[in-house]
Protein backbone atom coordinates (compact mmCIF):
# COMPACT_ATOMS: atom_id res chain seq x y z
CA UNK A 1 76.37 -35.17 -86.73
CA UNK A 2 78.81 -32.61 -85.44
CA UNK A 3 81.08 -31.16 -88.08
CA UNK A 4 84.46 -30.01 -86.96
CA UNK A 5 85.69 -26.82 -88.70
CA UNK A 6 88.70 -27.04 -90.97
CA UNK A 7 91.66 -24.66 -91.19
CA UNK A 8 90.08 -22.67 -94.01
CA UNK A 9 86.64 -22.36 -92.41
CA UNK A 10 85.66 -18.95 -90.92
CA UNK A 11 84.43 -19.41 -87.41
CA UNK A 12 81.16 -17.64 -86.49
CA UNK A 13 81.05 -15.42 -83.35
CA UNK A 14 80.43 -17.23 -80.07
CA UNK A 15 77.48 -14.94 -79.10
CA UNK A 16 75.02 -13.23 -81.43
CA UNK A 17 74.77 -9.44 -81.18
CA UNK A 18 71.50 -8.24 -79.69
CA UNK A 19 69.02 -6.74 -82.09
CA UNK A 20 68.69 -2.96 -82.09
CA UNK A 21 65.79 -1.70 -79.92
CA UNK A 22 65.26 -5.00 -78.12
CA UNK A 23 65.54 -4.76 -74.32
CA UNK A 24 67.62 -7.20 -72.46
CA UNK A 25 65.58 -9.80 -70.65
CA UNK A 26 65.11 -9.39 -66.96
CA UNK A 27 65.22 -12.35 -64.69
CA UNK A 28 61.75 -13.29 -63.43
CA UNK A 29 62.75 -13.63 -59.80
CA UNK A 30 64.30 -10.13 -59.66
CA UNK A 31 61.24 -8.59 -61.32
CA UNK A 32 58.78 -10.26 -58.95
CA UNK A 33 60.60 -9.11 -55.78
CA UNK A 34 60.88 -5.48 -56.82
CA UNK A 35 57.31 -5.22 -58.01
CA UNK A 36 55.97 -6.90 -54.87
CA UNK A 37 57.96 -4.50 -52.68
CA UNK A 38 56.59 -1.47 -54.53
CA UNK A 39 53.04 -2.73 -54.33
CA UNK A 40 53.37 -3.48 -50.59
CA UNK A 41 54.72 0.00 -49.87
CA UNK A 42 51.89 1.57 -51.87
CA UNK A 43 49.28 -0.50 -50.02
CA UNK A 44 50.83 0.37 -46.62
CA UNK A 45 50.74 4.08 -47.45
CA UNK A 46 47.10 3.77 -48.48
CA UNK A 47 46.23 1.98 -45.21
CA UNK A 48 48.00 4.62 -43.13
CA UNK A 49 46.23 7.41 -44.95
CA UNK A 50 42.85 5.72 -44.45
CA UNK A 51 43.49 5.17 -40.74
CA UNK A 52 44.60 8.78 -40.30
CA UNK A 53 41.41 10.01 -41.98
CA UNK A 54 39.29 7.81 -39.67
CA UNK A 55 41.17 9.06 -36.57
CA UNK A 56 40.63 12.70 -37.50
CA UNK A 57 36.93 12.06 -38.14
CA UNK A 58 36.56 10.24 -34.78
CA UNK A 59 38.22 13.08 -32.86
CA UNK A 60 35.96 15.57 -34.60
CA UNK A 61 32.84 13.57 -33.71
CA UNK A 62 33.93 13.15 -30.06
CA UNK A 63 34.48 16.89 -29.81
CA UNK A 64 30.98 17.59 -31.13
CA UNK A 65 29.37 15.11 -28.71
CA UNK A 66 31.34 16.48 -25.73
CA UNK A 67 30.37 20.06 -26.62
CA UNK A 68 26.74 19.05 -26.93
CA UNK A 69 26.70 17.27 -23.52
CA UNK A 70 28.33 20.09 -21.52
CA UNK A 71 25.52 21.70 -19.44
CA UNK A 72 24.80 25.31 -19.99
CA UNK A 73 26.40 27.48 -17.38
CA UNK A 74 23.96 29.47 -15.34
CA UNK A 75 24.85 32.94 -14.35
CA UNK A 76 24.32 33.29 -10.60
CA UNK A 77 21.79 35.84 -9.52
CA UNK A 78 23.25 38.96 -7.98
CA UNK A 79 23.47 38.88 -4.19
CA UNK A 80 21.61 41.64 -2.45
CA UNK A 81 21.86 42.52 1.17
CA UNK A 82 18.74 42.10 3.28
CA UNK A 83 17.95 43.89 6.43
CA UNK A 84 18.22 41.90 9.65
CA UNK A 85 14.85 41.08 11.27
CA UNK A 86 13.81 43.37 14.04
CA UNK A 87 13.68 42.13 17.60
CA UNK A 88 9.90 42.52 17.54
CA UNK A 89 9.53 39.79 14.96
CA UNK A 90 8.99 36.23 16.29
CA UNK A 91 11.61 33.55 15.75
CA UNK A 92 11.13 31.88 12.38
CA UNK A 93 9.86 28.32 12.52
CA UNK A 94 11.16 25.62 10.24
CA UNK A 95 9.59 25.31 6.80
CA UNK A 96 7.60 22.12 6.26
CA UNK A 97 8.70 20.33 3.14
CA UNK A 98 6.36 18.36 0.85
CA UNK A 99 5.53 14.97 2.29
CA UNK A 100 6.21 16.13 5.87
CA UNK A 101 9.94 15.41 5.64
CA UNK A 102 11.93 16.39 8.70
CA UNK A 103 14.35 19.25 8.10
CA UNK A 104 16.98 21.02 10.16
CA UNK A 105 15.37 23.92 12.01
CA UNK A 106 16.65 27.50 11.71
CA UNK A 107 19.10 28.80 14.29
CA UNK A 108 16.55 30.65 16.52
CA UNK A 109 14.61 27.39 16.90
CA UNK A 110 17.78 25.47 17.74
CA UNK A 111 18.49 27.96 20.52
CA UNK A 112 14.95 27.54 21.85
CA UNK A 113 15.24 23.74 21.73
CA UNK A 114 18.53 23.77 23.61
CA UNK A 115 17.12 26.11 26.27
CA UNK A 116 14.06 23.94 26.94
CA UNK A 117 16.03 20.69 26.92
CA UNK A 118 18.63 22.06 29.32
CA UNK A 119 15.94 23.34 31.69
CA UNK A 120 14.26 19.92 31.73
CA UNK A 121 17.41 17.85 32.19
CA UNK A 122 18.97 20.10 34.83
CA UNK A 123 15.82 20.81 36.85
CA UNK A 124 16.56 20.46 40.55
CA UNK A 125 13.10 19.16 41.40
CA UNK A 126 10.43 17.18 39.60
CA UNK A 127 8.11 20.20 39.84
CA UNK A 128 10.64 22.35 37.99
CA UNK A 129 10.90 19.72 35.27
CA UNK A 130 7.09 19.46 35.00
CA UNK A 131 6.96 23.16 34.15
CA UNK A 132 8.41 22.44 30.68
CA UNK A 133 6.58 19.22 29.76
CA UNK A 134 3.40 18.58 27.79
CA UNK A 135 0.33 18.28 30.06
CA UNK A 136 2.04 18.64 33.47
CA UNK A 137 -0.98 17.37 35.47
CA UNK A 138 -1.30 14.08 33.58
CA UNK A 139 2.46 13.65 33.52
CA UNK A 140 2.79 14.09 37.29
CA UNK A 141 0.75 10.98 38.10
CA UNK A 142 2.56 8.93 35.45
CA UNK A 143 5.91 10.12 36.76
CA UNK A 144 5.12 9.03 40.32
CA UNK A 145 4.27 5.51 39.15
CA UNK A 146 7.31 5.46 36.89
CA UNK A 147 9.66 6.38 39.76
CA UNK A 148 8.22 3.44 41.76
CA UNK A 149 9.16 5.01 45.06
CA UNK A 150 12.61 6.23 44.01
CA UNK A 151 13.55 9.87 44.55
CA UNK A 152 13.83 12.24 41.60
CA UNK A 153 17.29 12.80 40.18
CA UNK A 154 18.07 15.19 37.35
CA UNK A 155 19.55 13.39 34.33
CA UNK A 156 21.97 16.28 33.69
CA UNK A 157 22.86 17.95 30.42
CA UNK A 158 26.19 17.76 28.60
CA UNK A 159 25.04 19.13 25.26
CA UNK A 160 23.19 18.46 22.01
CA UNK A 161 24.57 15.82 19.66
CA UNK A 162 24.13 16.62 15.97
CA UNK A 163 21.42 18.78 14.46
CA UNK A 164 17.79 18.75 15.66
CA UNK A 165 15.11 17.69 13.20
CA UNK A 166 11.69 19.32 13.06
CA UNK A 167 8.39 18.28 11.53
CA UNK A 168 5.61 20.74 10.75
CA UNK A 169 5.19 24.41 11.59
CA UNK A 170 3.20 26.36 14.11
CA UNK A 171 1.01 24.79 16.78
CA UNK A 172 1.50 21.03 16.98
CA UNK A 173 4.91 21.03 15.29
CA UNK A 174 7.38 18.52 16.70
CA UNK A 175 11.14 18.43 17.01
CA UNK A 176 13.54 15.65 17.96
CA UNK A 177 17.14 15.94 19.10
CA UNK A 178 19.88 13.71 20.45
CA UNK A 179 21.29 14.87 23.79
CA UNK A 180 24.15 13.75 25.98
CA UNK A 181 23.05 13.42 29.60
CA UNK A 182 25.10 13.87 32.73
CA UNK A 183 26.21 10.23 32.69
CA UNK A 184 27.41 10.71 29.08
CA UNK A 185 24.65 8.55 27.60
CA UNK A 186 23.13 9.68 24.30
CA UNK A 187 19.33 9.84 24.43
CA UNK A 188 16.63 11.16 22.13
CA UNK A 189 14.21 13.76 23.39
CA UNK A 190 11.10 14.99 21.58
CA UNK A 191 9.47 18.40 21.92
CA UNK A 192 6.00 19.55 20.86
CA UNK A 193 4.79 23.11 20.37
CA UNK A 194 1.87 23.90 22.66
CA UNK A 195 0.37 27.37 23.10
CA UNK A 196 3.31 28.87 21.23
CA UNK A 197 5.99 27.24 23.42
CA UNK A 198 8.08 24.11 23.03
CA UNK A 199 7.33 21.44 25.61
CA UNK A 200 9.12 18.18 26.35
CA UNK A 201 7.17 15.01 25.53
CA UNK A 202 7.85 13.18 28.78
CA UNK A 203 6.02 9.98 27.75
CA UNK A 204 8.40 9.30 24.85
CA UNK A 205 11.41 10.39 26.92
CA UNK A 206 10.62 7.91 29.70
CA UNK A 207 9.30 5.18 27.39
CA UNK A 208 6.13 5.19 29.46
CA UNK A 209 3.63 2.32 29.14
CA UNK A 210 0.25 1.75 30.75
CA UNK A 211 1.65 -1.16 32.78
CA UNK A 212 5.09 -2.11 33.90
CA UNK A 213 6.59 -5.02 32.00
CA UNK A 214 6.71 -7.06 35.20
CA UNK A 215 3.02 -6.50 36.02
CA UNK A 216 2.05 -7.24 32.45
CA UNK A 217 3.76 -10.62 32.54
CA UNK A 218 2.34 -11.45 35.93
CA UNK A 219 -1.31 -10.50 35.26
CA UNK A 220 -1.45 -11.64 31.59
CA UNK A 221 -4.28 -9.27 30.56
CA UNK A 222 -6.37 -10.33 27.57
CA UNK A 223 -7.46 -6.72 26.97
CA UNK A 224 -5.08 -4.52 24.91
CA UNK A 225 -2.55 -2.49 26.92
CA UNK A 226 -0.49 0.41 25.52
CA UNK A 227 3.26 -0.22 25.43
CA UNK A 228 6.25 1.65 24.09
CA UNK A 229 8.59 -0.98 22.74
CA UNK A 230 11.62 -1.48 20.53
CA UNK A 231 10.60 -3.96 17.84
CA UNK A 232 13.00 -6.15 15.89
CA UNK A 233 12.69 -9.23 13.70
CA UNK A 234 13.17 -12.65 15.29
CA UNK A 235 12.35 -16.28 14.47
CA UNK A 236 10.83 -17.90 17.57
CA UNK A 237 7.92 -20.32 17.26
CA UNK A 238 7.04 -22.40 20.29
CA UNK A 239 4.29 -23.31 22.75
CA UNK A 240 1.17 -21.24 21.95
CA UNK A 241 2.67 -19.97 18.66
CA UNK A 242 4.28 -23.00 17.03
CA UNK A 243 2.98 -22.61 13.50
CA UNK A 244 5.33 -20.37 11.50
CA UNK A 245 2.91 -20.54 8.56
CA UNK A 246 0.25 -18.85 10.67
CA UNK A 247 2.33 -16.35 12.68
CA UNK A 248 5.13 -13.82 12.27
CA UNK A 249 7.26 -13.26 15.35
CA UNK A 250 9.00 -10.14 16.68
CA UNK A 251 11.09 -9.25 19.71
CA UNK A 252 9.72 -6.43 21.86
CA UNK A 253 12.16 -4.72 24.26
CA UNK A 254 11.89 -2.05 26.92
CA UNK A 255 13.80 1.20 26.62
CA UNK A 256 16.70 0.00 28.78
CA UNK A 257 16.73 -3.45 27.16
CA UNK A 258 16.21 -5.15 30.50
CA UNK A 259 12.74 -6.50 29.62
CA UNK A 260 11.61 -8.33 26.51
CA UNK A 261 8.66 -10.23 25.07
CA UNK A 262 7.89 -12.17 21.91
CA UNK A 263 5.10 -10.51 19.93
CA UNK A 264 3.05 -12.27 17.25
CA UNK A 265 0.81 -11.14 14.41
CA UNK A 266 -0.95 -13.16 11.70
CA UNK A 267 1.52 -13.77 8.88
CA UNK A 268 1.13 -11.60 5.76
CA UNK A 269 -1.61 -9.55 7.45
CA UNK A 270 -1.71 -5.78 7.06
CA UNK A 271 -0.35 -5.38 10.58
CA UNK A 272 2.50 -7.76 9.79
CA UNK A 273 3.46 -5.81 6.67
CA UNK A 274 3.32 -2.52 8.56
CA UNK A 275 5.58 -3.35 11.49
CA UNK A 276 8.07 -5.59 9.66
CA UNK A 277 11.51 -3.90 9.65
CA UNK A 278 13.29 -3.50 6.32
CA UNK A 279 16.57 -4.29 8.09
CA UNK A 280 16.23 -7.48 10.13
CA UNK A 281 18.85 -6.20 12.60
CA UNK A 282 17.18 -2.82 13.12
CA UNK A 283 15.22 -1.90 16.27
CA UNK A 284 12.26 0.37 15.60
CA UNK A 285 10.29 2.38 18.13
CA UNK A 286 6.55 1.65 18.15
CA UNK A 287 3.64 2.48 20.44
CA UNK A 288 1.64 -0.76 20.38
CA UNK A 289 -1.38 -2.34 22.02
CA UNK A 290 -0.40 -5.76 23.43
CA UNK A 291 -2.45 -8.53 25.01
CA UNK A 292 -2.16 -12.18 26.00
CA UNK A 293 -4.14 -14.89 24.22
CA UNK A 294 -6.84 -16.60 26.32
CA UNK A 295 -5.45 -19.42 28.43
CA UNK A 296 -1.87 -18.33 27.72
CA UNK A 297 0.67 -20.89 28.89
CA UNK A 298 3.70 -18.60 28.70
CA UNK A 299 4.27 -15.14 30.19
CA UNK A 300 6.62 -13.94 27.43
CA UNK A 301 4.50 -14.62 24.31
CA UNK A 302 1.89 -11.98 23.47
CA UNK A 303 -0.31 -10.82 20.62
CA UNK A 304 0.34 -7.46 18.95
CA UNK A 305 -3.24 -6.17 18.83
CA UNK A 306 -2.76 -2.85 17.00
CA UNK A 307 -0.45 0.09 16.28
CA UNK A 308 -0.98 3.39 18.10
CA UNK A 309 1.97 5.30 16.62
CA UNK A 310 5.24 4.82 14.81
CA UNK A 311 7.92 6.23 17.04
CA UNK A 312 7.18 6.97 20.69
CA UNK A 313 5.40 10.31 20.27
CA UNK A 314 1.62 9.99 20.26
CA UNK A 315 -0.41 12.70 18.56
CA UNK A 316 -2.93 14.58 20.72
CA UNK A 317 -5.86 12.58 19.36
CA UNK A 318 -3.99 9.43 20.38
CA UNK A 319 -4.11 7.89 16.91
CA UNK A 320 -2.01 8.09 13.78
């Protein structure tokens, strides 16, 4: 029961005095917030310090790797002056690289090439042009048949296009160059070194073949005939060559593109693998032996019998 104090009773104090040395209690909520804040700040500083250490180490490692990968600088050899060759020395021929790779010829050879090409293309008569070709006697008879009754007319010379390319050195070396003729057409002309002088390879220049394309189609010879043709990939299987599992087909064109034939070889044969262009749209120059199959029903479908040369220049022995 609650006892009410009387008038004579001494009232006790409302609040007890705190004991000496005893700390005042701290509210739990206030303590938790402050401690959590301090711990978070300490953890954040530790994380930043750790990240900074990692960054410095990474930069140091990258610097070491970059220094290690920088190639050593080579000190260029001192340049010494060399005496110019005397006029008595012959013009230097191009150096043959390993694998018979064509290289740009030295300047004296370029001058010689341009001189011979200009003489050939600007010759006023066929006889003057024959003076700078390989085997003039054999070429003369071929040229007469090639002209087919037309009079000789010099192609004309506007200049060389690009840099000539040469293959080999000394006797038998060959060079090829693009030229612009008098009618502004760009043509390729090949030159061979014979008896110490550059000579024009007329056969490759004219795209000469043993028969005209028209005669070949009319007579349908079953014996191989030499042809210079531009070969490209084509899919045409019909008439005597219907089976595309047995045959591979190619388009064969004349130099001016006015004549064409379909040539066939056994599929996957060595000959097929040799003449097949890497680029299906590319036209490649080949010297080929062509013939018609026995009892041929078409005049534009022929057999590719063999390869004489890649490109239109035939070596002196006539074989590759």
